[in-house]
């Protein structure tokens, strides 16, 4: 894959089990914009990775506006 080419397959999207609109008590980084989210409302997506042993939960945080635009475009 070349550097300027967008990624077409995202395993996180396939394993996503839910999206929540939460308040960020601790500093987080927006997955789309890279901006810091702290003491703000933001969207958090949760993905569950299963296999032998315990399940692993992975989280991605998004700014409200960036998440809504990405959702309309079908990115997240």
C-alpha atoms as a PDB file:
ATOM      1  CA  UNK A   1       0.000   0.000   0.000  1.00  0.00           C
ATOM      2  CA  UNK A   2       1.376   3.413  -0.920  1.00  0.00           C
ATOM      3  CA  UNK A   3       1.649   6.241   1.583  1.00  0.00           C
ATOM      4  CA  UNK A   4      -1.027   8.504   0.025  1.00  0.00           C
ATOM      5  CA  UNK A   5      -3.515   5.684  -0.539  1.00  0.00           C
ATOM      6  CA  UNK A   6      -6.407   5.431   1.952  1.00  0.00           C
ATOM      7  CA  UNK A   7      -6.865   2.209   3.894  1.00  0.00           C
ATOM      8  CA  UNK A   8      -9.888   0.323   2.606  1.00  0.00           C
ATOM      9  CA  UNK A   9     -10.115  -2.429   5.232  1.00  0.00           C
ATOM     10  CA  UNK A  10     -10.372  -1.649   8.926  1.00  0.00           C
ATOM     11  CA  UNK A  11     -10.552  -4.681  11.245  1.00  0.00           C
ATOM     12  CA  UNK A  12     -11.649  -2.395  14.098  1.00  0.00           C
ATOM     13  CA  UNK A  13     -14.846  -1.567  12.187  1.00  0.00           C
ATOM     14  CA  UNK A  14     -15.679  -5.266  11.787  1.00  0.00           C
ATOM     15  CA  UNK A  15     -15.135  -5.961  15.499  1.00  0.00           C
ATOM     16  CA  UNK A  16     -16.957  -2.870  16.778  1.00  0.00           C
ATOM     17  CA  UNK A  17     -19.596  -3.814  19.346  1.00  0.00           C
ATOM     18  CA  UNK A  18     -20.929  -0.370  20.198  1.00  0.00           C
ATOM     19  CA  UNK A  19     -20.718   3.413  20.152  1.00  0.00           C
ATOM     20  CA  UNK A  20     -21.327   5.645  23.164  1.00  0.00           C
ATOM     21  CA  UNK A  21     -21.480   9.403  23.658  1.00  0.00           C
ATOM     22  CA  UNK A  22     -19.439   9.925  26.819  1.00  0.00           C
ATOM     23  CA  UNK A  23     -17.703  12.606  28.850  1.00  0.00           C
ATOM     24  CA  UNK A  24     -13.903  12.391  28.747  1.00  0.00           C
ATOM     25  CA  UNK A  25     -12.553  12.683  32.277  1.00  0.00           C
ATOM     26  CA  UNK A  26      -9.039  11.744  31.168  1.00  0.00           C
ATOM     27  CA  UNK A  27      -7.146  13.046  28.112  1.00  0.00           C
ATOM     28  CA  UNK A  28      -7.903  11.102  24.936  1.00  0.00           C
ATOM     29  CA  UNK A  29      -6.953  11.696  21.286  1.00  0.00           C
ATOM     30  CA  UNK A  30      -9.459  11.903  18.444  1.00  0.00           C
ATOM     31  CA  UNK A  31      -8.818   9.051  16.012  1.00  0.00           C
ATOM     32  CA  UNK A  32      -9.718  11.190  12.969  1.00  0.00           C
ATOM     33  CA  UNK A  33      -8.338  14.652  13.733  1.00  0.00           C
ATOM     34  CA  UNK A  34      -5.593  13.828  16.232  1.00  0.00           C
ATOM     35  CA  UNK A  35      -6.771  16.587  18.591  1.00  0.00           C
ATOM     36  CA  UNK A  36      -6.807  16.140  22.357  1.00  0.00           C
ATOM     37  CA  UNK A  37     -10.175  15.502  23.974  1.00  0.00           C
ATOM     38  CA  UNK A  38     -10.335  16.368  27.651  1.00  0.00           C
ATOM     39  CA  UNK A  39     -13.287  17.366  29.811  1.00  0.00           C
ATOM     40  CA  UNK A  40     -15.569  17.289  26.737  1.00  0.00           C
ATOM     41  CA  UNK A  41     -18.299  15.075  25.380  1.00  0.00           C
ATOM     42  CA  UNK A  42     -17.052  12.728  22.666  1.00  0.00           C
ATOM     43  CA  UNK A  43     -17.973   9.493  20.917  1.00  0.00           C
ATOM     44  CA  UNK A  44     -16.231   6.288  21.993  1.00  0.00           C
ATOM     45  CA  UNK A  45     -16.335   3.139  19.890  1.00  0.00           C
ATOM     46  CA  UNK A  46     -15.543  -0.209  21.484  1.00  0.00           C
ATOM     47  CA  UNK A  47     -14.155  -3.226  19.671  1.00  0.00           C
ATOM     48  CA  UNK A  48     -13.811  -6.684  21.202  1.00  0.00           C
ATOM     49  CA  UNK A  49     -10.983  -8.990  20.141  1.00  0.00           C
ATOM     50  CA  UNK A  50     -11.576 -12.606  21.101  1.00  0.00           C
ATOM     51  CA  UNK A  51      -9.362 -15.625  20.909  1.00  0.00           C
ATOM     52  CA  UNK A  52      -7.751 -18.128  23.200  1.00  0.00           C
ATOM     53  CA  UNK A  53      -7.688 -16.598  26.645  1.00  0.00           C
ATOM     54  CA  UNK A  54      -9.340 -13.389  27.789  1.00  0.00           C
ATOM     55  CA  UNK A  55     -11.185 -10.984  25.517  1.00  0.00           C
ATOM     56  CA  UNK A  56      -9.479  -7.660  24.798  1.00  0.00           C
ATOM     57  CA  UNK A  57     -11.423  -4.407  24.520  1.00  0.00           C
ATOM     58  CA  UNK A  58     -10.028  -1.653  22.308  1.00  0.00           C
ATOM     59  CA  UNK A  59     -11.371   1.912  22.243  1.00  0.00           C
ATOM     60  CA  UNK A  60     -11.346   4.748  19.721  1.00  0.00           C
ATOM     61  CA  UNK A  61     -12.381   8.282  20.641  1.00  0.00           C
ATOM     62  CA  UNK A  62     -13.856  10.824  18.200  1.00  0.00           C
ATOM     63  CA  UNK A  63     -14.786  14.502  18.353  1.00  0.00           C
ATOM     64  CA  UNK A  64     -18.516  15.011  17.944  1.00  0.00           C
ATOM     65  CA  UNK A  65     -18.353  16.849  14.598  1.00  0.00           C
ATOM     66  CA  UNK A  66     -15.646  14.619  13.110  1.00  0.00           C
ATOM     67  CA  UNK A  67     -17.568  11.476  14.078  1.00  0.00           C
ATOM     68  CA  UNK A  68     -20.829  12.663  12.538  1.00  0.00           C
ATOM     69  CA  UNK A  69     -19.150  13.592   9.233  1.00  0.00           C
ATOM     70  CA  UNK A  70     -17.251  10.282   9.140  1.00  0.00           C
ATOM     71  CA  UNK A  71     -20.453   8.393   9.932  1.00  0.00           C
ATOM     72  CA  UNK A  72     -22.262  10.047   7.015  1.00  0.00           C
ATOM     73  CA  UNK A  73     -19.350   9.196   4.697  1.00  0.00           C
ATOM     74  CA  UNK A  74     -19.366   5.569   5.901  1.00  0.00           C
ATOM     75  CA  UNK A  75     -15.822   5.714   7.289  1.00  0.00           C
ATOM     76  CA  UNK A  76     -16.740   4.625  10.839  1.00  0.00           C
END
